[in-house]
């Protein structure tokens, strides 16, 4: 069984994306940060850019964000975004 992390991207309007993923790349003011299962606890600022995640093998999803905060703990990544929109 593959290692996974629970990803939740939330704005003031509600949940934008919620699913189990294998990998997440988050834009920060200092560059991108990659998150895998068993990542050390972390709290960081989210910059403007695109959150990219990989799940179910090679399937991917992208979410455009306009800043916020990300928290990683116990294989759960929560991103509280100022604005977020799924990309097609």
C-alpha atoms as a PDB file:
ATOM      1  CA  UNK A   1       0.000   0.000   0.000  1.00  0.00           C
ATOM      2  CA  UNK A   2       1.272   3.456  -0.910  1.00  0.00           C
ATOM      3  CA  UNK A   3       1.925   6.085   1.712  1.00  0.00           C
ATOM      4  CA  UNK A   4      -0.580   8.911   1.521  1.00  0.00           C
ATOM      5  CA  UNK A   5      -1.304  12.230   3.106  1.00  0.00           C
ATOM      6  CA  UNK A   6      -4.742  13.760   3.686  1.00  0.00           C
ATOM      7  CA  UNK A   7      -4.933  17.073   1.805  1.00  0.00           C
ATOM      8  CA  UNK A   8      -7.541  19.722   2.515  1.00  0.00           C
ATOM      9  CA  UNK A   9      -7.575  23.120   0.790  1.00  0.00           C
ATOM     10  CA  UNK A  10     -10.058  25.533   2.357  1.00  0.00           C
ATOM     11  CA  UNK A  11     -11.109  29.153   1.787  1.00  0.00           C
ATOM     12  CA  UNK A  12     -13.615  31.337   3.646  1.00  0.00           C
ATOM     13  CA  UNK A  13     -16.195  30.098   1.108  1.00  0.00           C
ATOM     14  CA  UNK A  14     -15.618  26.404   1.904  1.00  0.00           C
ATOM     15  CA  UNK A  15     -13.624  23.339   0.906  1.00  0.00           C
ATOM     16  CA  UNK A  16     -11.944  23.559  -2.515  1.00  0.00           C
ATOM     17  CA  UNK A  17     -10.230  20.147  -2.492  1.00  0.00           C
ATOM     18  CA  UNK A  18     -10.241  17.260  -0.020  1.00  0.00           C
ATOM     19  CA  UNK A  19      -8.609  13.921  -0.839  1.00  0.00           C
ATOM     20  CA  UNK A  20      -5.844  11.421  -0.073  1.00  0.00           C
ATOM     21  CA  UNK A  21      -2.731  12.202  -2.119  1.00  0.00           C
ATOM     22  CA  UNK A  22       0.786  10.842  -2.601  1.00  0.00           C
ATOM     23  CA  UNK A  23       2.575  14.176  -3.086  1.00  0.00           C
ATOM     24  CA  UNK A  24       1.842  17.911  -2.827  1.00  0.00           C
ATOM     25  CA  UNK A  25       3.902  20.880  -4.034  1.00  0.00           C
ATOM     26  CA  UNK A  26       3.086  24.181  -2.303  1.00  0.00           C
ATOM     27  CA  UNK A  27       4.195  27.625  -3.524  1.00  0.00           C
ATOM     28  CA  UNK A  28       5.750  29.655  -0.691  1.00  0.00           C
ATOM     29  CA  UNK A  29       7.253  33.150  -0.703  1.00  0.00           C
ATOM     30  CA  UNK A  30      10.718  31.501  -0.767  1.00  0.00           C
ATOM     31  CA  UNK A  31      10.032  28.819  -3.418  1.00  0.00           C
ATOM     32  CA  UNK A  32       8.146  25.529  -3.675  1.00  0.00           C
ATOM     33  CA  UNK A  33       7.929  23.003  -0.838  1.00  0.00           C
ATOM     34  CA  UNK A  34       7.245  19.309  -1.513  1.00  0.00           C
ATOM     35  CA  UNK A  35       5.204  17.288   0.970  1.00  0.00           C
ATOM     36  CA  UNK A  36       5.178  13.475   1.174  1.00  0.00           C
ATOM     37  CA  UNK A  37       3.737  11.081   3.758  1.00  0.00           C
ATOM     38  CA  UNK A  38       5.470  11.171   7.165  1.00  0.00           C
ATOM     39  CA  UNK A  39       6.655  14.757   6.611  1.00  0.00           C
ATOM     40  CA  UNK A  40       7.851  16.517   9.758  1.00  0.00           C
ATOM     41  CA  UNK A  41       5.329  18.897  11.358  1.00  0.00           C
ATOM     42  CA  UNK A  42       5.492  22.276   9.631  1.00  0.00           C
ATOM     43  CA  UNK A  43       3.685  25.604   9.475  1.00  0.00           C
ATOM     44  CA  UNK A  44       4.440  27.916   6.541  1.00  0.00           C
ATOM     45  CA  UNK A  45       3.108  30.813   4.493  1.00  0.00           C
ATOM     46  CA  UNK A  46       1.598  29.989   1.110  1.00  0.00           C
ATOM     47  CA  UNK A  47       2.453  32.363  -1.726  1.00  0.00           C
ATOM     48  CA  UNK A  48       0.657  33.159  -4.956  1.00  0.00           C
ATOM     49  CA  UNK A  49       0.936  30.290  -7.405  1.00  0.00           C
ATOM     50  CA  UNK A  50      -0.259  26.764  -8.053  1.00  0.00           C
ATOM     51  CA  UNK A  51      -0.581  23.873  -5.608  1.00  0.00           C
ATOM     52  CA  UNK A  52       0.054  20.626  -7.461  1.00  0.00           C
ATOM     53  CA  UNK A  53      -0.818  17.200  -6.093  1.00  0.00           C
ATOM     54  CA  UNK A  54      -0.406  13.629  -7.337  1.00  0.00           C
ATOM     55  CA  UNK A  55      -2.757  10.792  -6.452  1.00  0.00           C
ATOM     56  CA  UNK A  56      -3.868   7.359  -7.685  1.00  0.00           C
ATOM     57  CA  UNK A  57      -0.694   6.651  -9.600  1.00  0.00           C
ATOM     58  CA  UNK A  58      -0.007   9.355 -12.152  1.00  0.00           C
ATOM     59  CA  UNK A  59      -3.238  11.382 -11.822  1.00  0.00           C
ATOM     60  CA  UNK A  60      -2.734  15.016 -10.854  1.00  0.00           C
ATOM     61  CA  UNK A  61      -4.731  18.061  -9.766  1.00  0.00           C
ATOM     62  CA  UNK A  62      -3.775  21.732  -9.648  1.00  0.00           C
ATOM     63  CA  UNK A  63      -5.237  24.519  -7.545  1.00  0.00           C
ATOM     64  CA  UNK A  64      -4.439  28.192  -8.126  1.00  0.00           C
ATOM     65  CA  UNK A  65      -3.964  30.078  -4.822  1.00  0.00           C
ATOM     66  CA  UNK A  66      -3.508  33.706  -3.833  1.00  0.00           C
ATOM     67  CA  UNK A  67      -1.710  33.222  -0.523  1.00  0.00           C
ATOM     68  CA  UNK A  68      -2.547  31.683   2.823  1.00  0.00           C
ATOM     69  CA  UNK A  69      -1.117  29.323   5.444  1.00  0.00           C
ATOM     70  CA  UNK A  70      -0.251  25.608   5.322  1.00  0.00           C
ATOM     71  CA  UNK A  71      -0.010  23.217   8.265  1.00  0.00           C
ATOM     72  CA  UNK A  72       1.418  19.684   8.124  1.00  0.00           C
ATOM     73  CA  UNK A  73       1.048  17.283  11.044  1.00  0.00           C
ATOM     74  CA  UNK A  74       0.468  13.544  11.394  1.00  0.00           C
ATOM     75  CA  UNK A  75       0.031  12.905   7.630  1.00  0.00           C
ATOM     76  CA  UNK A  76      -2.527  15.684   7.274  1.00  0.00           C
ATOM     77  CA  UNK A  77      -1.930  18.845   5.233  1.00  0.00           C
ATOM     78  CA  UNK A  78      -4.397  21.691   5.688  1.00  0.00           C
ATOM     79  CA  UNK A  79      -4.091  24.781   3.521  1.00  0.00           C
ATOM     80  CA  UNK A  80      -6.107  27.837   4.536  1.00  0.00           C
ATOM     81  CA  UNK A  81      -6.072  29.944   1.388  1.00  0.00           C
ATOM     82  CA  UNK A  82      -7.138  33.530   0.854  1.00  0.00           C
ATOM     83  CA  UNK A  83      -8.445  32.502  -2.578  1.00  0.00           C
ATOM     84  CA  UNK A  84      -8.245  29.132  -4.337  1.00  0.00           C
ATOM     85  CA  UNK A  85      -9.634  27.759  -7.563  1.00  0.00           C
ATOM     86  CA  UNK A  86      -9.324  24.336  -9.218  1.00  0.00           C
ATOM     87  CA  UNK A  87      -7.478  24.449 -12.530  1.00  0.00           C
ATOM     88  CA  UNK A  88      -8.546  22.341 -15.479  1.00  0.00           C
END
